[in-house]
């Protein structure tokens, strides 16, 4: 009986640590939306080679586009713009004179924000390029080195040649949403609540272990089927393993603790 209580307590402790690890995974900063005002701004020919489409979101450098309140647009970690492209059909690349495909279409998020490097001609990280495969919805993401309380300039830049589109097209880019990390770290109160929940889980698991043992024994005695006999044998074998059972429980606990440490290191 003492061995069963030890195993039950260790298993409950493993559950408790796992609960804390899960809490750490879900307590990161959340995504927040930057309000976009659709003022009828359309994509124009700008940037890159003077032939490609750009959609300004906030640009007062030789332009007069203010579709977000840039002075209150605080950003952290990244800025992401989800937008819809129309007027390309299935075309996914610029064309050569003979009609064959030239460079594949792409888009990225450019501009200036705090002390982050400006994106005027091409992003510094190739992973920030988003392939444009015809009409559809896409997301471009600018990973920021530092957060900022405001945005100085923001636009969706493409390499889509305005003079190289399907005939009869009515090309357009429409912003669907703009998001960023809210930069809010989890509070100590959230951590305390999570610890209390873990302790409750631990207590319930310990009680459940005793109840389950009793139910399994009663069920095995009352049932004569082969499946029940096998279950009874397994129960007896598990109880008889002694130190082996302890070893298994310790391994489970170590695995859970490992997860918790991994999560803490990642944060």
C-alpha atoms as a PDB file:
ATOM      1  CA  UNK A   1       0.000   0.000   0.000  1.00  0.00           C
ATOM      2  CA  UNK A   2       2.872   2.377   0.821  1.00  0.00           C
ATOM      3  CA  UNK A   3       4.395   1.696  -2.599  1.00  0.00           C
ATOM      4  CA  UNK A   4       1.091   2.538  -4.325  1.00  0.00           C
ATOM      5  CA  UNK A   5       0.858   5.810  -2.399  1.00  0.00           C
ATOM      6  CA  UNK A   6       4.435   6.704  -3.378  1.00  0.00           C
ATOM      7  CA  UNK A   7       3.700   5.969  -7.036  1.00  0.00           C
ATOM      8  CA  UNK A   8       0.453   7.929  -6.896  1.00  0.00           C
ATOM      9  CA  UNK A   9       2.178  10.940  -5.319  1.00  0.00           C
ATOM     10  CA  UNK A  10       5.042  10.883  -7.853  1.00  0.00           C
ATOM     11  CA  UNK A  11       2.620  10.579 -10.778  1.00  0.00           C
ATOM     12  CA  UNK A  12       0.608  13.498  -9.406  1.00  0.00           C
ATOM     13  CA  UNK A  13       3.792  15.555  -9.085  1.00  0.00           C
ATOM     14  CA  UNK A  14       4.620  14.809 -12.725  1.00  0.00           C
ATOM     15  CA  UNK A  15       1.149  16.008 -13.727  1.00  0.00           C
ATOM     16  CA  UNK A  16       1.668  19.156 -11.652  1.00  0.00           C
ATOM     17  CA  UNK A  17       4.978  19.985 -13.377  1.00  0.00           C
ATOM     18  CA  UNK A  18       3.442  19.279 -16.788  1.00  0.00           C
ATOM     19  CA  UNK A  19       0.594  21.661 -15.979  1.00  0.00           C
ATOM     20  CA  UNK A  20       3.093  24.400 -15.119  1.00  0.00           C
ATOM     21  CA  UNK A  21       4.974  23.769 -18.370  1.00  0.00           C
ATOM     22  CA  UNK A  22       1.754  23.981 -20.373  1.00  0.00           C
ATOM     23  CA  UNK A  23       0.900  27.226 -18.580  1.00  0.00           C
ATOM     24  CA  UNK A  24       4.290  28.684 -19.556  1.00  0.00           C
ATOM     25  CA  UNK A  25       3.679  27.790 -23.194  1.00  0.00           C
ATOM     26  CA  UNK A  26       0.368  29.645 -23.278  1.00  0.00           C
ATOM     27  CA  UNK A  27       1.411  32.746 -21.305  1.00  0.00           C
ATOM     28  CA  UNK A  28       3.363  34.499 -24.058  1.00  0.00           C
ATOM     29  CA  UNK A  29       2.479  37.964 -25.310  1.00  0.00           C
ATOM     30  CA  UNK A  30      -0.635  38.042 -27.480  1.00  0.00           C
ATOM     31  CA  UNK A  31      -1.309  39.347 -30.965  1.00  0.00           C
ATOM     32  CA  UNK A  32      -3.027  42.703 -31.302  1.00  0.00           C
ATOM     33  CA  UNK A  33      -4.574  44.515 -34.267  1.00  0.00           C
ATOM     34  CA  UNK A  34      -3.580  47.892 -35.666  1.00  0.00           C
ATOM     35  CA  UNK A  35      -6.686  49.700 -36.899  1.00  0.00           C
ATOM     36  CA  UNK A  36      -6.704  50.236 -40.669  1.00  0.00           C
ATOM     37  CA  UNK A  37      -8.844  52.949 -42.227  1.00  0.00           C
ATOM     38  CA  UNK A  38      -9.772  52.127 -45.825  1.00  0.00           C
ATOM     39  CA  UNK A  39      -9.549  55.528 -47.458  1.00  0.00           C
ATOM     40  CA  UNK A  40      -9.690  54.133 -50.971  1.00  0.00           C
ATOM     41  CA  UNK A  41      -5.903  54.012 -51.382  1.00  0.00           C
ATOM     42  CA  UNK A  42      -4.915  51.980 -54.437  1.00  0.00           C
ATOM     43  CA  UNK A  43      -1.659  50.315 -55.412  1.00  0.00           C
ATOM     44  CA  UNK A  44       0.521  52.568 -57.524  1.00  0.00           C
ATOM     45  CA  UNK A  45       3.757  52.241 -59.468  1.00  0.00           C
ATOM     46  CA  UNK A  46       6.575  52.942 -57.062  1.00  0.00           C
ATOM     47  CA  UNK A  47       9.844  51.573 -55.700  1.00  0.00           C
ATOM     48  CA  UNK A  48      12.176  48.852 -56.983  1.00  0.00           C
ATOM     49  CA  UNK A  49      12.534  49.533 -60.711  1.00  0.00           C
ATOM     50  CA  UNK A  50       9.843  52.159 -61.224  1.00  0.00           C
ATOM     51  CA  UNK A  51       7.555  49.605 -62.863  1.00  0.00           C
ATOM     52  CA  UNK A  52       6.284  47.628 -59.864  1.00  0.00           C
ATOM     53  CA  UNK A  53       3.183  47.953 -57.735  1.00  0.00           C
ATOM     54  CA  UNK A  54       3.307  49.237 -54.172  1.00  0.00           C
ATOM     55  CA  UNK A  55       0.424  49.783 -51.751  1.00  0.00           C
ATOM     56  CA  UNK A  56       1.168  52.556 -49.260  1.00  0.00           C
ATOM     57  CA  UNK A  57      -0.362  52.127 -45.819  1.00  0.00           C
ATOM     58  CA  UNK A  58       1.324  55.057 -44.102  1.00  0.00           C
ATOM     59  CA  UNK A  59       3.638  57.145 -46.245  1.00  0.00           C
ATOM     60  CA  UNK A  60       4.058  60.925 -46.015  1.00  0.00           C
ATOM     61  CA  UNK A  61       7.467  60.947 -47.703  1.00  0.00           C
ATOM     62  CA  UNK A  62       6.416  62.458 -51.002  1.00  0.00           C
ATOM     63  CA  UNK A  63       2.964  60.930 -50.544  1.00  0.00           C
ATOM     64  CA  UNK A  64      -0.110  61.712 -48.479  1.00  0.00           C
ATOM     65  CA  UNK A  65      -1.282  58.295 -47.285  1.00  0.00           C
ATOM     66  CA  UNK A  66      -2.367  57.939 -43.663  1.00  0.00           C
ATOM     67  CA  UNK A  67      -4.482  54.780 -43.490  1.00  0.00           C
ATOM     68  CA  UNK A  68      -3.314  53.992 -39.938  1.00  0.00           C
ATOM     69  CA  UNK A  69      -2.789  56.222 -36.908  1.00  0.00           C
ATOM     70  CA  UNK A  70       0.976  55.860 -37.002  1.00  0.00           C
ATOM     71  CA  UNK A  71       1.595  57.935 -33.856  1.00  0.00           C
ATOM     72  CA  UNK A  72      -0.239  55.423 -31.668  1.00  0.00           C
ATOM     73  CA  UNK A  73       0.657  52.251 -33.584  1.00  0.00           C
ATOM     74  CA  UNK A  74       2.932  50.604 -31.000  1.00  0.00           C
ATOM     75  CA  UNK A  75       4.651  47.492 -32.378  1.00  0.00           C
ATOM     76  CA  UNK A  76       6.776  44.682 -30.934  1.00  0.00           C
ATOM     77  CA  UNK A  77       8.634  41.735 -32.464  1.00  0.00           C
ATOM     78  CA  UNK A  78       6.915  41.997 -35.848  1.00  0.00           C
ATOM     79  CA  UNK A  79       4.367  43.732 -38.075  1.00  0.00           C
ATOM     80  CA  UNK A  80       2.184  41.539 -40.294  1.00  0.00           C
ATOM     81  CA  UNK A  81      -0.163  42.678 -43.055  1.00  0.00           C
ATOM     82  CA  UNK A  82      -2.737  40.303 -44.541  1.00  0.00           C
ATOM     83  CA  UNK A  83      -4.037  41.444 -47.913  1.00  0.00           C
ATOM     84  CA  UNK A  84      -5.987  40.247 -50.933  1.00  0.00           C
ATOM     85  CA  UNK A  85      -4.694  40.456 -54.507  1.00  0.00           C
ATOM     86  CA  UNK A  86      -7.028  40.549 -57.517  1.00  0.00           C
ATOM     87  CA  UNK A  87      -6.563  41.129 -61.221  1.00  0.00           C
ATOM     88  CA  UNK A  88      -3.776  38.585 -61.771  1.00  0.00           C
ATOM     89  CA  UNK A  89      -5.915  35.554 -62.449  1.00  0.00           C
ATOM     90  CA  UNK A  90      -3.544  32.594 -62.229  1.00  0.00           C
ATOM     91  CA  UNK A  91      -0.483  34.509 -63.402  1.00  0.00           C
ATOM     92  CA  UNK A  92       2.358  34.158 -60.871  1.00  0.00           C
ATOM     93  CA  UNK A  93       5.363  35.689 -62.664  1.00  0.00           C
ATOM     94  CA  UNK A  94       6.388  38.594 -64.835  1.00  0.00           C
ATOM     95  CA  UNK A  95       6.655  37.756 -68.518  1.00  0.00           C
ATOM     96  CA  UNK A  96       9.446  37.892 -71.055  1.00  0.00           C
ATOM     97  CA  UNK A  97       8.835  39.335 -74.516  1.00  0.00           C
ATOM     98  CA  UNK A  98       8.165  35.861 -75.906  1.00  0.00           C
ATOM     99  CA  UNK A  99       5.495  35.257 -73.226  1.00  0.00           C
ATOM    100  CA  UNK A 100       7.574  32.883 -71.118  1.00  0.00           C
ATOM    101  CA  UNK A 101       7.840  33.313 -67.338  1.00  0.00           C
ATOM    102  CA  UNK A 102      10.460  35.703 -66.001  1.00  0.00           C
ATOM    103  CA  UNK A 103      10.945  36.395 -62.279  1.00  0.00           C
ATOM    104  CA  UNK A 104       8.293  34.971 -59.963  1.00  0.00           C
ATOM    105  CA  UNK A 105       6.023  37.433 -58.166  1.00  0.00           C
ATOM    106  CA  UNK A 106       6.750  38.306 -54.545  1.00  0.00           C
ATOM    107  CA  UNK A 107       5.760  40.870 -51.927  1.00  0.00           C
ATOM    108  CA  UNK A 108       7.252  42.145 -48.696  1.00  0.00           C
ATOM    109  CA  UNK A 109       6.483  44.689 -46.002  1.00  0.00           C
ATOM    110  CA  UNK A 110       8.611  47.824 -46.205  1.00  0.00           C
ATOM    111  CA  UNK A 111       8.989  51.142 -44.455  1.00  0.00           C
ATOM    112  CA  UNK A 112      10.616  52.555 -41.337  1.00  0.00           C
ATOM    113  CA  UNK A 113       9.828  51.935 -37.684  1.00  0.00           C
ATOM    114  CA  UNK A 114      11.825  53.223 -34.714  1.00  0.00           C
ATOM    115  CA  UNK A 115      15.451  52.107 -34.842  1.00  0.00           C
ATOM    116  CA  UNK A 116      14.717  49.124 -37.110  1.00  0.00           C
ATOM    117  CA  UNK A 117      16.481  49.070 -40.503  1.00  0.00           C
ATOM    118  CA  UNK A 118      14.491  50.672 -43.313  1.00  0.00           C
ATOM    119  CA  UNK A 119      13.047  48.402 -46.007  1.00  0.00           C
ATOM    120  CA  UNK A 120      13.157  50.465 -49.159  1.00  0.00           C
ATOM    121  CA  UNK A 121      14.406  48.201 -51.921  1.00  0.00           C
ATOM    122  CA  UNK A 122      14.441  44.680 -50.503  1.00  0.00           C
ATOM    123  CA  UNK A 123      14.122  43.093 -47.048  1.00  0.00           C
ATOM    124  CA  UNK A 124      17.349  42.089 -45.330  1.00  0.00           C
ATOM    125  CA  UNK A 125      15.891  38.666 -44.539  1.00  0.00           C
ATOM    126  CA  UNK A 126      14.881  36.611 -47.592  1.00  0.00           C
ATOM    127  CA  UNK A 127      12.369  34.731 -45.440  1.00  0.00           C
ATOM    128  CA  UNK A 128      10.285  37.905 -45.326  1.00  0.00           C
ATOM    129  CA  UNK A 129       9.491  37.564 -49.037  1.00  0.00           C
ATOM    130  CA  UNK A 130       6.017  36.148 -49.710  1.00  0.00           C
ATOM    131  CA  UNK A 131       5.382  34.427 -53.045  1.00  0.00           C
ATOM    132  CA  UNK A 132       2.361  35.739 -54.963  1.00  0.00           C
ATOM    133  CA  UNK A 133       0.731  32.933 -56.959  1.00  0.00           C
ATOM    134  CA  UNK A 134      -2.106  34.753 -58.679  1.00  0.00           C
ATOM    135  CA  UNK A 135      -5.290  36.081 -57.102  1.00  0.00           C
ATOM    136  CA  UNK A 136      -5.767  35.266 -53.429  1.00  0.00           C
ATOM    137  CA  UNK A 137      -5.062  36.265 -49.841  1.00  0.00           C
ATOM    138  CA  UNK A 138      -1.477  36.625 -48.584  1.00  0.00           C
ATOM    139  CA  UNK A 139       0.428  37.771 -45.501  1.00  0.00           C
ATOM    140  CA  UNK A 140       3.707  39.669 -45.394  1.00  0.00           C
ATOM    141  CA  UNK A 141       5.637  39.868 -42.120  1.00  0.00           C
ATOM    142  CA  UNK A 142       8.402  42.229 -41.043  1.00  0.00           C
ATOM    143  CA  UNK A 143      10.440  40.879 -38.118  1.00  0.00           C
ATOM    144  CA  UNK A 144      11.561  43.773 -35.915  1.00  0.00           C
ATOM    145  CA  UNK A 145      14.841  43.953 -34.035  1.00  0.00           C
ATOM    146  CA  UNK A 146      13.276  46.356 -31.519  1.00  0.00           C
ATOM    147  CA  UNK A 147       9.807  47.527 -30.561  1.00  0.00           C
ATOM    148  CA  UNK A 148       8.562  51.042 -31.308  1.00  0.00           C
ATOM    149  CA  UNK A 149       5.771  53.293 -30.071  1.00  0.00           C
ATOM    150  CA  UNK A 150       5.060  54.543 -33.605  1.00  0.00           C
ATOM    151  CA  UNK A 151       5.496  53.838 -37.316  1.00  0.00           C
ATOM    152  CA  UNK A 152       7.225  56.302 -39.644  1.00  0.00           C
ATOM    153  CA  UNK A 153       6.402  54.566 -42.914  1.00  0.00           C
ATOM    154  CA  UNK A 154       4.690  51.328 -43.949  1.00  0.00           C
ATOM    155  CA  UNK A 155       3.798  49.789 -47.309  1.00  0.00           C
ATOM    156  CA  UNK A 156       3.338  46.489 -49.156  1.00  0.00           C
ATOM    157  CA  UNK A 157       5.934  46.352 -51.941  1.00  0.00           C
ATOM    158  CA  UNK A 158       5.743  43.889 -54.833  1.00  0.00           C
ATOM    159  CA  UNK A 159       7.782  43.146 -57.934  1.00  0.00           C
ATOM    160  CA  UNK A 160       4.610  42.868 -60.037  1.00  0.00           C
ATOM    161  CA  UNK A 161       5.333  44.804 -63.234  1.00  0.00           C
ATOM    162  CA  UNK A 162       2.420  47.116 -63.980  1.00  0.00           C
ATOM    163  CA  UNK A 163       3.137  46.914 -67.726  1.00  0.00           C
ATOM    164  CA  UNK A 164       3.284  43.141 -67.803  1.00  0.00           C
ATOM    165  CA  UNK A 165      -0.137  42.020 -66.562  1.00  0.00           C
ATOM    166  CA  UNK A 166      -2.858  39.891 -68.177  1.00  0.00           C
ATOM    167  CA  UNK A 167      -4.937  41.822 -70.707  1.00  0.00           C
ATOM    168  CA  UNK A 168      -8.099  43.414 -69.346  1.00  0.00           C
ATOM    169  CA  UNK A 169      -6.853  43.123 -65.768  1.00  0.00           C
ATOM    170  CA  UNK A 170      -8.052  45.377 -62.975  1.00  0.00           C
ATOM    171  CA  UNK A 171      -5.170  44.888 -60.560  1.00  0.00           C
ATOM    172  CA  UNK A 172      -5.767  45.720 -56.897  1.00  0.00           C
ATOM    173  CA  UNK A 173      -4.353  45.078 -53.437  1.00  0.00           C
ATOM    174  CA  UNK A 174      -6.745  45.338 -50.478  1.00  0.00           C
ATOM    175  CA  UNK A 175      -5.579  45.302 -46.865  1.00  0.00           C
ATOM    176  CA  UNK A 176      -7.532  42.827 -44.709  1.00  0.00           C
ATOM    177  CA  UNK A 177      -5.735  43.264 -41.379  1.00  0.00           C
ATOM    178  CA  UNK A 178      -2.568  44.563 -39.734  1.00  0.00           C
ATOM    179  CA  UNK A 179      -1.266  42.841 -36.594  1.00  0.00           C
ATOM    180  CA  UNK A 180       1.664  42.962 -34.185  1.00  0.00           C
ATOM    181  CA  UNK A 181       2.765  41.478 -30.870  1.00  0.00           C
ATOM    182  CA  UNK A 182       1.255  43.461 -27.982  1.00  0.00           C
ATOM    183  CA  UNK A 183       4.505  43.251 -26.001  1.00  0.00           C
ATOM    184  CA  UNK A 184       2.692  42.463 -22.735  1.00  0.00           C
ATOM    185  CA  UNK A 185       4.513  39.949 -20.544  1.00  0.00           C
ATOM    186  CA  UNK A 186       2.490  37.573 -18.310  1.00  0.00           C
ATOM    187  CA  UNK A 187       1.877  39.020 -14.831  1.00  0.00           C
ATOM    188  CA  UNK A 188       2.884  37.437 -11.516  1.00  0.00           C
ATOM    189  CA  UNK A 189      -0.835  37.054 -10.745  1.00  0.00           C
ATOM    190  CA  UNK A 190      -1.271  34.784 -13.778  1.00  0.00           C
ATOM    191  CA  UNK A 191       1.685  32.689 -12.610  1.00  0.00           C
ATOM    192  CA  UNK A 192       0.178  32.349  -9.110  1.00  0.00           C
ATOM    193  CA  UNK A 193      -3.185  31.287 -10.527  1.00  0.00           C
ATOM    194  CA  UNK A 194      -1.433  28.726 -12.705  1.00  0.00           C
ATOM    195  CA  UNK A 195       0.436  27.310  -9.712  1.00  0.00           C
ATOM    196  CA  UNK A 196      -2.832  26.979  -7.759  1.00  0.00           C
ATOM    197  CA  UNK A 197      -4.420  25.117 -10.659  1.00  0.00           C
ATOM    198  CA  UNK A 198      -1.413  22.787 -10.820  1.00  0.00           C
ATOM    199  CA  UNK A 199      -1.669  22.063  -7.082  1.00  0.00           C
ATOM    200  CA  UNK A 200      -5.377  21.282  -7.474  1.00  0.00           C
ATOM    201  CA  UNK A 201      -4.551  18.917 -10.340  1.00  0.00           C
ATOM    202  CA  UNK A 202      -1.949  17.226  -8.128  1.00  0.00           C
ATOM    203  CA  UNK A 203      -4.456  16.655  -5.314  1.00  0.00           C
ATOM    204  CA  UNK A 204      -7.090  15.333  -7.701  1.00  0.00           C
ATOM    205  CA  UNK A 205      -4.578  13.001  -9.353  1.00  0.00           C
ATOM    206  CA  UNK A 206      -3.552  11.522  -5.964  1.00  0.00           C
ATOM    207  CA  UNK A 207      -7.195  10.886  -5.007  1.00  0.00           C
ATOM    208  CA  UNK A 208      -7.920   9.492  -8.438  1.00  0.00           C
ATOM    209  CA  UNK A 209      -5.064   7.010  -8.168  1.00  0.00           C
ATOM    210  CA  UNK A 210      -6.549   5.438  -5.010  1.00  0.00           C
ATOM    211  CA  UNK A 211     -10.039   5.351  -6.491  1.00  0.00           C
ATOM    212  CA  UNK A 212      -8.834   3.802  -9.716  1.00  0.00           C
ATOM    213  CA  UNK A 213      -6.900   1.075  -7.866  1.00  0.00           C
ATOM    214  CA  UNK A 214     -10.013   0.146  -5.901  1.00  0.00           C
ATOM    215  CA  UNK A 215     -12.242   0.112  -8.971  1.00  0.00           C
ATOM    216  CA  UNK A 216      -9.815  -2.015 -10.957  1.00  0.00           C
ATOM    217  CA  UNK A 217      -9.568  -4.622  -8.174  1.00  0.00           C
ATOM    218  CA  UNK A 218     -13.354  -4.826  -7.735  1.00  0.00           C
ATOM    219  CA  UNK A 219     -13.923  -5.067 -11.479  1.00  0.00           C
ATOM    220  CA  UNK A 220     -11.398  -7.871 -11.863  1.00  0.00           C
ATOM    221  CA  UNK A 221     -13.009  -9.915  -9.093  1.00  0.00           C
ATOM    222  CA  UNK A 222     -16.536  -9.456 -10.427  1.00  0.00           C
ATOM    223  CA  UNK A 223     -15.811 -10.205 -14.080  1.00  0.00           C
ATOM    224  CA  UNK A 224     -14.922 -13.703 -15.356  1.00  0.00           C
ATOM    225  CA  UNK A 225     -14.238 -12.753 -19.027  1.00  0.00           C
ATOM    226  CA  UNK A 226     -10.771 -13.243 -20.513  1.00  0.00           C
ATOM    227  CA  UNK A 227     -10.331  -9.480 -20.980  1.00  0.00           C
ATOM    228  CA  UNK A 228     -10.973  -8.891 -17.276  1.00  0.00           C
ATOM    229  CA  UNK A 229      -8.587 -11.690 -16.339  1.00  0.00           C
ATOM    230  CA  UNK A 230      -5.876 -10.102 -18.429  1.00  0.00           C
ATOM    231  CA  UNK A 231      -6.585  -6.727 -16.799  1.00  0.00           C
ATOM    232  CA  UNK A 232      -6.332  -8.272 -13.339  1.00  0.00           C
ATOM    233  CA  UNK A 233      -3.038  -9.923 -14.210  1.00  0.00           C
ATOM    234  CA  UNK A 234      -1.684  -6.632 -15.488  1.00  0.00           C
ATOM    235  CA  UNK A 235      -2.771  -4.897 -12.272  1.00  0.00           C
ATOM    236  CA  UNK A 236      -1.056  -7.508 -10.115  1.00  0.00           C
ATOM    237  CA  UNK A 237       2.087  -7.428 -12.258  1.00  0.00           C
ATOM    238  CA  UNK A 238       2.237  -3.627 -12.030  1.00  0.00           C
ATOM    239  CA  UNK A 239       1.907  -3.703  -8.240  1.00  0.00           C
ATOM    240  CA  UNK A 240       4.496  -6.466  -7.962  1.00  0.00           C
ATOM    241  CA  UNK A 241       7.191  -4.641  -9.923  1.00  0.00           C
ATOM    242  CA  UNK A 242       8.073  -2.574  -6.859  1.00  0.00           C
ATOM    243  CA  UNK A 243      11.291  -0.692  -7.639  1.00  0.00           C
ATOM    244  CA  UNK A 244      10.610  -0.986 -11.385  1.00  0.00           C
ATOM    245  CA  UNK A 245       7.351   0.919 -10.887  1.00  0.00           C
ATOM    246  CA  UNK A 246       9.242   3.594  -8.988  1.00  0.00           C
ATOM    247  CA  UNK A 247      11.751   3.788 -11.849  1.00  0.00           C
ATOM    248  CA  UNK A 248       8.988   4.334 -14.386  1.00  0.00           C
ATOM    249  CA  UNK A 249       7.402   7.051 -12.255  1.00  0.00           C
ATOM    250  CA  UNK A 250      10.773   8.771 -11.787  1.00  0.00           C
ATOM    251  CA  UNK A 251      11.363   8.668 -15.554  1.00  0.00           C
ATOM    252  CA  UNK A 252       7.950  10.229 -16.165  1.00  0.00           C
ATOM    253  CA  UNK A 253       8.665  12.934 -13.593  1.00  0.00           C
ATOM    254  CA  UNK A 254      12.084  13.652 -15.116  1.00  0.00           C
ATOM    255  CA  UNK A 255      10.530  13.971 -18.576  1.00  0.00           C
ATOM    256  CA  UNK A 256       7.965  16.456 -17.274  1.00  0.00           C
ATOM    257  CA  UNK A 257      10.636  18.474 -15.470  1.00  0.00           C
ATOM    258  CA  UNK A 258      12.683  18.466 -18.682  1.00  0.00           C
ATOM    259  CA  UNK A 259       9.732  19.954 -20.550  1.00  0.00           C
ATOM    260  CA  UNK A 260       9.326  22.644 -17.914  1.00  0.00           C
ATOM    261  CA  UNK A 261      13.026  23.587 -18.098  1.00  0.00           C
ATOM    262  CA  UNK A 262      12.889  23.641 -21.923  1.00  0.00           C
ATOM    263  CA  UNK A 263       9.908  25.960 -21.876  1.00  0.00           C
ATOM    264  CA  UNK A 264      11.521  28.272 -19.332  1.00  0.00           C
ATOM    265  CA  UNK A 265      14.729  28.452 -21.407  1.00  0.00           C
ATOM    266  CA  UNK A 266      12.788  29.230 -24.570  1.00  0.00           C
ATOM    267  CA  UNK A 267      10.915  32.090 -22.888  1.00  0.00           C
END
